[in-house]
Amino acid sequence: MQRLEPAQPIFHEGDAVRRVFMLAHGSLKIYSLLADGRRQITGFMFPGDFLGVSINDEYAFSAEALASSELWWFTRDAFDRFVESHPNVERELYRLAAHELAAAQAQMVLLGRKTAAERVASFFLTLLERRELVEGERLSEFDLPMGRLDVADYLGLTKETVSRMLAHLRDRNLIRLVRQDRIEVLDRDALRDMAQGFGE
């Protein structure tokens, strides 16, 4: 078990792949650095997610804790042997890979076609539905462990725009800020309409 403090790095882009991780508690962000030094967040990880499963010899991105977190880790060789002897784990990894591919495709649409309001609404729905998948029940609230700047980096927006969109969704009674790091969805159907371009 590896314990992490907020903002503590796990590995950096280009590091040799020596370990595979599974997030037991907390949350992480994964990101790449562009040639001009700007950061592009490409995803967020939550309990149950695997990190570092790769056919390459180097990590393709950097990973950092968003909050106090705990990771289980395995050497790459030990993980490969474990997967080979447990077909159910291999099937789960295929499922996760398919999910990540779908998420990457959705992210391309998000950044390329959607307005700021549509991006934020889509992001919130994704977080809520991901939480529901883990909990196995319908929910109305979800945690937002990442700061406004991280949300902005992920969605290709500015921090100020994210704050404006939060206020916009709140003023339309689509969401309520329970705390700075927790949101309640008040009208899921209207939020989904906005995410799909029908509710601005």
C-alpha atoms as a PDB file:
ATOM      1  CA  MET A   1       0.000   0.000   0.000  1.00  0.00           C
ATOM      2  CA  GLN A   2       1.334   3.444  -0.954  1.00  0.00           C
ATOM      3  CA  ARG A   3      -0.110   6.518   0.756  1.00  0.00           C
ATOM      4  CA  LEU A   4      -0.096   9.867  -1.030  1.00  0.00           C
ATOM      5  CA  GLU A   5      -0.596  13.454   0.050  1.00  0.00           C
ATOM      6  CA  PRO A   6      -2.398  15.992  -2.172  1.00  0.00           C
ATOM      7  CA  ALA A   7      -0.222  17.088  -5.138  1.00  0.00           C
ATOM      8  CA  GLN A   8       2.230  14.212  -4.578  1.00  0.00           C
ATOM      9  CA  PRO A   9       3.407  12.736  -7.899  1.00  0.00           C
ATOM     10  CA  ILE A  10       3.202   9.001  -8.574  1.00  0.00           C
ATOM     11  CA  PHE A  11       5.238   8.940 -11.770  1.00  0.00           C
ATOM     12  CA  HIS A  12       6.147  11.297 -14.592  1.00  0.00           C
ATOM     13  CA  GLU A  13       5.664  11.107 -18.334  1.00  0.00           C
ATOM     14  CA  GLY A  14       8.618   9.230 -19.831  1.00  0.00           C
ATOM     15  CA  ASP A  15       9.487   7.301 -16.645  1.00  0.00           C
ATOM     16  CA  ALA A  16      10.128   3.592 -17.128  1.00  0.00           C
ATOM     17  CA  VAL A  17       7.050   1.452 -16.434  1.00  0.00           C
ATOM     18  CA  ARG A  18       7.995  -0.645 -13.418  1.00  0.00           C
ATOM     19  CA  ARG A  19       4.744  -0.763 -11.449  1.00  0.00           C
ATOM     20  CA  VAL A  20       1.018  -1.097 -12.017  1.00  0.00           C
ATOM     21  CA  PHE A  21      -1.274   0.648  -9.542  1.00  0.00           C
ATOM     22  CA  MET A  22      -4.858   0.282  -8.391  1.00  0.00           C
ATOM     23  CA  LEU A  23      -6.445   3.227  -6.595  1.00  0.00           C
ATOM     24  CA  ALA A  24      -7.969   2.066  -3.303  1.00  0.00           C
ATOM     25  CA  HIS A  25      -8.960   5.445  -1.873  1.00  0.00           C
ATOM     26  CA  GLY A  26      -8.863   9.092  -2.952  1.00  0.00           C
ATOM     27  CA  SER A  27      -8.495  10.574  -6.433  1.00  0.00           C
ATOM     28  CA  LEU A  28      -5.762  11.298  -8.980  1.00  0.00           C
ATOM     29  CA  LYS A  29      -5.268  13.347 -12.101  1.00  0.00           C
ATOM     30  CA  ILE A  30      -3.327  12.311 -15.174  1.00  0.00           C
ATOM     31  CA  TYR A  31      -1.812  14.876 -17.505  1.00  0.00           C
ATOM     32  CA  SER A  32       0.704  15.572 -20.248  1.00  0.00           C
ATOM     33  CA  LEU A  33       2.933  18.582 -20.776  1.00  0.00           C
ATOM     34  CA  LEU A  34       2.785  20.260 -24.171  1.00  0.00           C
ATOM     35  CA  ALA A  35       5.913  21.401 -25.987  1.00  0.00           C
ATOM     36  CA  ASP A  36       5.382  25.002 -24.830  1.00  0.00           C
ATOM     37  CA  GLY A  37       5.136  23.936 -21.172  1.00  0.00           C
ATOM     38  CA  ARG A  38       1.364  24.093 -20.862  1.00  0.00           C
ATOM     39  CA  ARG A  39      -0.369  21.263 -19.048  1.00  0.00           C
ATOM     40  CA  GLN A  40      -3.261  19.253 -20.482  1.00  0.00           C
ATOM     41  CA  ILE A  41      -5.181  17.133 -17.992  1.00  0.00           C
ATOM     42  CA  THR A  42      -6.383  14.044 -19.819  1.00  0.00           C
ATOM     43  CA  GLY A  43      -8.316  12.300 -17.071  1.00  0.00           C
ATOM     44  CA  PHE A  44      -9.173  11.741 -13.442  1.00  0.00           C
ATOM     45  CA  MET A  45      -8.895   8.458 -11.543  1.00  0.00           C
ATOM     46  CA  PHE A  46     -11.141   7.192  -8.768  1.00  0.00           C
ATOM     47  CA  PRO A  47     -11.207   4.122  -6.461  1.00  0.00           C
ATOM     48  CA  GLY A  48     -11.100   0.878  -8.434  1.00  0.00           C
ATOM     49  CA  ASP A  49      -9.254   2.392 -11.395  1.00  0.00           C
ATOM     50  CA  PHE A  50      -5.995   0.836 -12.615  1.00  0.00           C
ATOM     51  CA  LEU A  51      -3.025   3.022 -13.482  1.00  0.00           C
ATOM     52  CA  GLY A  52       0.087   2.159 -15.446  1.00  0.00           C
ATOM     53  CA  VAL A  53      -1.288  -0.796 -17.415  1.00  0.00           C
ATOM     54  CA  SER A  54       0.637  -0.314 -20.650  1.00  0.00           C
ATOM     55  CA  ILE A  55       2.196  -2.241 -23.517  1.00  0.00           C
ATOM     56  CA  ASN A  56       4.896   0.440 -23.716  1.00  0.00           C
ATOM     57  CA  ASP A  57       8.080   0.637 -21.661  1.00  0.00           C
ATOM     58  CA  GLU A  58       7.481   4.256 -20.621  1.00  0.00           C
ATOM     59  CA  TYR A  59       4.522   5.992 -19.010  1.00  0.00           C
ATOM     60  CA  ALA A  60       2.700   8.090 -21.619  1.00  0.00           C
ATOM     61  CA  PHE A  61       1.522  10.646 -19.040  1.00  0.00           C
ATOM     62  CA  SER A  62       2.178  11.930 -15.520  1.00  0.00           C
ATOM     63  CA  ALA A  63       0.022  11.071 -12.499  1.00  0.00           C
ATOM     64  CA  GLU A  64      -0.508  13.077  -9.316  1.00  0.00           C
ATOM     65  CA  ALA A  65      -2.747  12.821  -6.257  1.00  0.00           C
ATOM     66  CA  LEU A  66      -5.648  15.273  -6.050  1.00  0.00           C
ATOM     67  CA  ALA A  67      -6.412  14.415  -2.438  1.00  0.00           C
ATOM     68  CA  SER A  68      -5.036  12.129   0.269  1.00  0.00           C
ATOM     69  CA  SER A  69      -5.015   8.781  -1.513  1.00  0.00           C
ATOM     70  CA  GLU A  70      -3.994   5.155  -1.143  1.00  0.00           C
ATOM     71  CA  LEU A  71      -2.705   2.901  -3.916  1.00  0.00           C
ATOM     72  CA  TRP A  72      -2.091  -0.801  -4.146  1.00  0.00           C
ATOM     73  CA  TRP A  73       0.867  -1.502  -6.407  1.00  0.00           C
ATOM     74  CA  PHE A  74       2.409  -4.509  -8.141  1.00  0.00           C
ATOM     75  CA  THR A  75       5.607  -4.911 -10.091  1.00  0.00           C
ATOM     76  CA  ARG A  76       4.872  -5.101 -13.789  1.00  0.00           C
ATOM     77  CA  ASP A  77       6.073  -8.718 -14.045  1.00  0.00           C
ATOM     78  CA  ALA A  78       4.034  -9.821 -11.017  1.00  0.00           C
ATOM     79  CA  PHE A  79       0.953  -8.108 -12.419  1.00  0.00           C
ATOM     80  CA  ASP A  80       1.395  -9.780 -15.813  1.00  0.00           C
ATOM     81  CA  ARG A  81       1.685 -13.207 -14.150  1.00  0.00           C
ATOM     82  CA  PHE A  82      -1.377 -12.514 -11.997  1.00  0.00           C
ATOM     83  CA  VAL A  83      -3.466 -11.500 -15.013  1.00  0.00           C
ATOM     84  CA  GLU A  84      -2.382 -14.577 -16.985  1.00  0.00           C
ATOM     85  CA  SER A  85      -3.544 -16.872 -14.172  1.00  0.00           C
ATOM     86  CA  HIS A  86      -6.833 -15.019 -13.530  1.00  0.00           C
ATOM     87  CA  PRO A  87      -8.933 -14.792 -16.725  1.00  0.00           C
ATOM     88  CA  ASN A  88     -11.631 -12.773 -14.953  1.00  0.00           C
ATOM     89  CA  VAL A  89      -9.086 -10.016 -14.242  1.00  0.00           C
ATOM     90  CA  GLU A  90      -8.007 -10.057 -17.882  1.00  0.00           C
ATOM     91  CA  ARG A  91     -11.635  -9.633 -18.965  1.00  0.00           C
ATOM     92  CA  GLU A  92     -12.035  -6.721 -16.556  1.00  0.00           C
ATOM     93  CA  LEU A  93      -8.927  -5.054 -17.993  1.00  0.00           C
ATOM     94  CA  TYR A  94     -10.345  -5.417 -21.502  1.00  0.00           C
ATOM     95  CA  ARG A  95     -13.553  -3.810 -20.257  1.00  0.00           C
ATOM     96  CA  LEU A  96     -11.584  -0.957 -18.687  1.00  0.00           C
ATOM     97  CA  ALA A  97      -9.585  -0.474 -21.891  1.00  0.00           C
ATOM     98  CA  ALA A  98     -12.810  -0.238 -23.890  1.00  0.00           C
ATOM     99  CA  HIS A  99     -14.176   2.272 -21.379  1.00  0.00           C
ATOM    100  CA  GLU A 100     -11.006   4.382 -21.626  1.00  0.00           C
ATOM    101  CA  LEU A 101     -11.205   4.366 -25.428  1.00  0.00           C
ATOM    102  CA  ALA A 102     -14.829   5.502 -25.307  1.00  0.00           C
ATOM    103  CA  ALA A 103     -13.905   8.196 -22.778  1.00  0.00           C
ATOM    104  CA  ALA A 104     -11.069   9.421 -25.012  1.00  0.00           C
ATOM    105  CA  GLN A 105     -13.440   9.652 -27.975  1.00  0.00           C
ATOM    106  CA  ALA A 106     -15.986  11.528 -25.870  1.00  0.00           C
ATOM    107  CA  GLN A 107     -13.235  13.898 -24.731  1.00  0.00           C
ATOM    108  CA  MET A 108     -12.369  14.688 -28.354  1.00  0.00           C
ATOM    109  CA  VAL A 109     -15.998  15.643 -29.017  1.00  0.00           C
ATOM    110  CA  LEU A 110     -16.107  17.598 -25.770  1.00  0.00           C
ATOM    111  CA  LEU A 111     -13.089  19.716 -26.671  1.00  0.00           C
ATOM    112  CA  GLY A 112     -13.821  20.028 -30.363  1.00  0.00           C
ATOM    113  CA  ARG A 113     -17.542  20.700 -30.625  1.00  0.00           C
ATOM    114  CA  LYS A 114     -19.209  21.599 -27.345  1.00  0.00           C
ATOM    115  CA  THR A 115     -19.768  25.029 -25.837  1.00  0.00           C
ATOM    116  CA  ALA A 116     -18.482  25.896 -22.365  1.00  0.00           C
ATOM    117  CA  ALA A 117     -21.868  25.198 -20.747  1.00  0.00           C
ATOM    118  CA  GLU A 118     -22.167  21.875 -22.594  1.00  0.00           C
ATOM    119  CA  ARG A 119     -18.668  20.846 -21.496  1.00  0.00           C
ATOM    120  CA  VAL A 120     -19.273  21.571 -17.808  1.00  0.00           C
ATOM    121  CA  ALA A 121     -22.707  19.907 -17.849  1.00  0.00           C
ATOM    122  CA  SER A 122     -21.255  16.829 -19.591  1.00  0.00           C
ATOM    123  CA  PHE A 123     -18.406  16.658 -17.091  1.00  0.00           C
ATOM    124  CA  PHE A 124     -20.749  16.778 -14.097  1.00  0.00           C
ATOM    125  CA  LEU A 125     -22.990  14.077 -15.554  1.00  0.00           C
ATOM    126  CA  THR A 126     -19.966  11.867 -16.174  1.00  0.00           C
ATOM    127  CA  LEU A 127     -18.786  12.247 -12.572  1.00  0.00           C
ATOM    128  CA  LEU A 128     -22.261  11.515 -11.218  1.00  0.00           C
ATOM    129  CA  GLU A 129     -22.759   8.441 -13.414  1.00  0.00           C
ATOM    130  CA  ARG A 130     -19.300   7.141 -12.587  1.00  0.00           C
ATOM    131  CA  ARG A 131     -20.091   7.426  -8.885  1.00  0.00           C
ATOM    132  CA  GLU A 132     -23.396   5.610  -9.434  1.00  0.00           C
ATOM    133  CA  LEU A 133     -21.564   2.790 -11.201  1.00  0.00           C
ATOM    134  CA  VAL A 134     -19.297   2.298  -8.174  1.00  0.00           C
ATOM    135  CA  GLU A 135     -22.085   2.603  -5.599  1.00  0.00           C
ATOM    136  CA  GLY A 136     -24.573   0.512  -7.566  1.00  0.00           C
ATOM    137  CA  GLU A 137     -27.472   2.895  -6.979  1.00  0.00           C
ATOM    138  CA  ARG A 138     -28.967   6.113  -8.321  1.00  0.00           C
ATOM    139  CA  LEU A 139     -27.499   9.195  -6.640  1.00  0.00           C
ATOM    140  CA  SER A 140     -27.999  12.945  -6.748  1.00  0.00           C
ATOM    141  CA  GLU A 141     -24.659  14.100  -5.287  1.00  0.00           C
ATOM    142  CA  PHE A 142     -21.021  13.586  -6.222  1.00  0.00           C
ATOM    143  CA  ASP A 143     -17.622  14.730  -4.986  1.00  0.00           C
ATOM    144  CA  LEU A 144     -15.578  17.254  -6.944  1.00  0.00           C
ATOM    145  CA  PRO A 145     -12.060  16.653  -5.576  1.00  0.00           C
ATOM    146  CA  MET A 146     -10.337  18.632  -8.309  1.00  0.00           C
ATOM    147  CA  GLY A 147     -10.022  22.423  -8.175  1.00  0.00           C
ATOM    148  CA  ARG A 148     -11.502  24.826 -10.709  1.00  0.00           C
ATOM    149  CA  LEU A 149      -8.166  25.132 -12.524  1.00  0.00           C
ATOM    150  CA  ASP A 150      -7.934  21.356 -12.977  1.00  0.00           C
ATOM    151  CA  VAL A 151     -11.495  21.269 -14.324  1.00  0.00           C
ATOM    152  CA  ALA A 152     -10.594  24.112 -16.689  1.00  0.00           C
ATOM    153  CA  ASP A 153      -7.459  22.318 -17.930  1.00  0.00           C
ATOM    154  CA  TYR A 154      -9.427  19.135 -18.547  1.00  0.00           C
ATOM    155  CA  LEU A 155     -12.258  20.878 -20.391  1.00  0.00           C
ATOM    156  CA  GLY A 156     -10.068  23.241 -22.400  1.00  0.00           C
ATOM    157  CA  LEU A 157     -11.506  26.329 -20.677  1.00  0.00           C
ATOM    158  CA  THR A 158     -10.232  29.076 -18.404  1.00  0.00           C
ATOM    159  CA  LYS A 159     -10.734  28.956 -14.656  1.00  0.00           C
ATOM    160  CA  GLU A 160     -12.932  32.058 -14.889  1.00  0.00           C
ATOM    161  CA  THR A 161     -15.160  30.420 -17.503  1.00  0.00           C
ATOM    162  CA  VAL A 162     -15.609  27.335 -15.318  1.00  0.00           C
ATOM    163  CA  SER A 163     -16.638  29.565 -12.401  1.00  0.00           C
ATOM    164  CA  ARG A 164     -19.137  31.394 -14.644  1.00  0.00           C
ATOM    165  CA  MET A 165     -20.605  28.126 -15.886  1.00  0.00           C
ATOM    166  CA  LEU A 166     -20.977  26.861 -12.315  1.00  0.00           C
ATOM    167  CA  ALA A 167     -22.882  30.025 -11.441  1.00  0.00           C
ATOM    168  CA  HIS A 168     -24.970  29.636 -14.614  1.00  0.00           C
ATOM    169  CA  LEU A 169     -25.971  26.061 -13.729  1.00  0.00           C
ATOM    170  CA  ARG A 170     -26.698  27.066 -10.147  1.00  0.00           C
ATOM    171  CA  ASP A 171     -28.812  30.067 -11.183  1.00  0.00           C
ATOM    172  CA  ARG A 172     -30.898  27.805 -13.429  1.00  0.00           C
ATOM    173  CA  ASN A 173     -31.464  25.448 -10.480  1.00  0.00           C
ATOM    174  CA  LEU A 174     -29.748  22.560 -12.225  1.00  0.00           C
ATOM    175  CA  ILE A 175     -27.155  22.064  -9.482  1.00  0.00           C
ATOM    176  CA  ARG A 176     -26.461  23.068  -5.901  1.00  0.00           C
ATOM    177  CA  LEU A 177     -23.026  23.471  -4.336  1.00  0.00           C
ATOM    178  CA  VAL A 178     -23.259  21.431  -1.137  1.00  0.00           C
ATOM    179  CA  ARG A 179     -19.623  22.347  -0.442  1.00  0.00           C
ATOM    180  CA  GLN A 180     -16.774  23.603  -2.587  1.00  0.00           C
ATOM    181  CA  ASP A 181     -15.932  19.969  -3.304  1.00  0.00           C
ATOM    182  CA  ARG A 182     -19.415  18.443  -3.491  1.00  0.00           C
ATOM    183  CA  ILE A 183     -22.285  19.060  -5.917  1.00  0.00           C
ATOM    184  CA  GLU A 184     -25.928  18.041  -5.887  1.00  0.00           C
ATOM    185  CA  VAL A 185     -27.725  17.612  -9.209  1.00  0.00           C
ATOM    186  CA  LEU A 186     -31.225  19.084  -8.837  1.00  0.00           C
ATOM    187  CA  ASP A 187     -32.536  18.443 -12.356  1.00  0.00           C
ATOM    188  CA  ARG A 188     -30.747  15.628 -14.159  1.00  0.00           C
ATOM    189  CA  ASP A 189     -32.915  15.756 -17.276  1.00  0.00           C
ATOM    190  CA  ALA A 190     -32.331  19.480 -17.763  1.00  0.00           C
ATOM    191  CA  LEU A 191     -28.605  19.031 -17.112  1.00  0.00           C
ATOM    192  CA  ARG A 192     -28.504  16.278 -19.738  1.00  0.00           C
ATOM    193  CA  ASP A 193     -30.377  18.501 -22.191  1.00  0.00           C
ATOM    194  CA  MET A 194     -27.772  21.199 -21.655  1.00  0.00           C
ATOM    195  CA  ALA A 195     -24.938  18.703 -22.110  1.00  0.00           C
ATOM    196  CA  GLN A 196     -26.468  17.690 -25.444  1.00  0.00           C
ATOM    197  CA  GLY A 197     -26.929  21.263 -26.633  1.00  0.00           C
ATOM    198  CA  PHE A 198     -30.651  21.658 -26.018  1.00  0.00           C
ATOM    199  CA  GLY A 199     -30.767  23.656 -22.815  1.00  0.00           C
ATOM    200  CA  GLU A 200     -28.587  26.763 -22.959  1.00  0.00           C
END
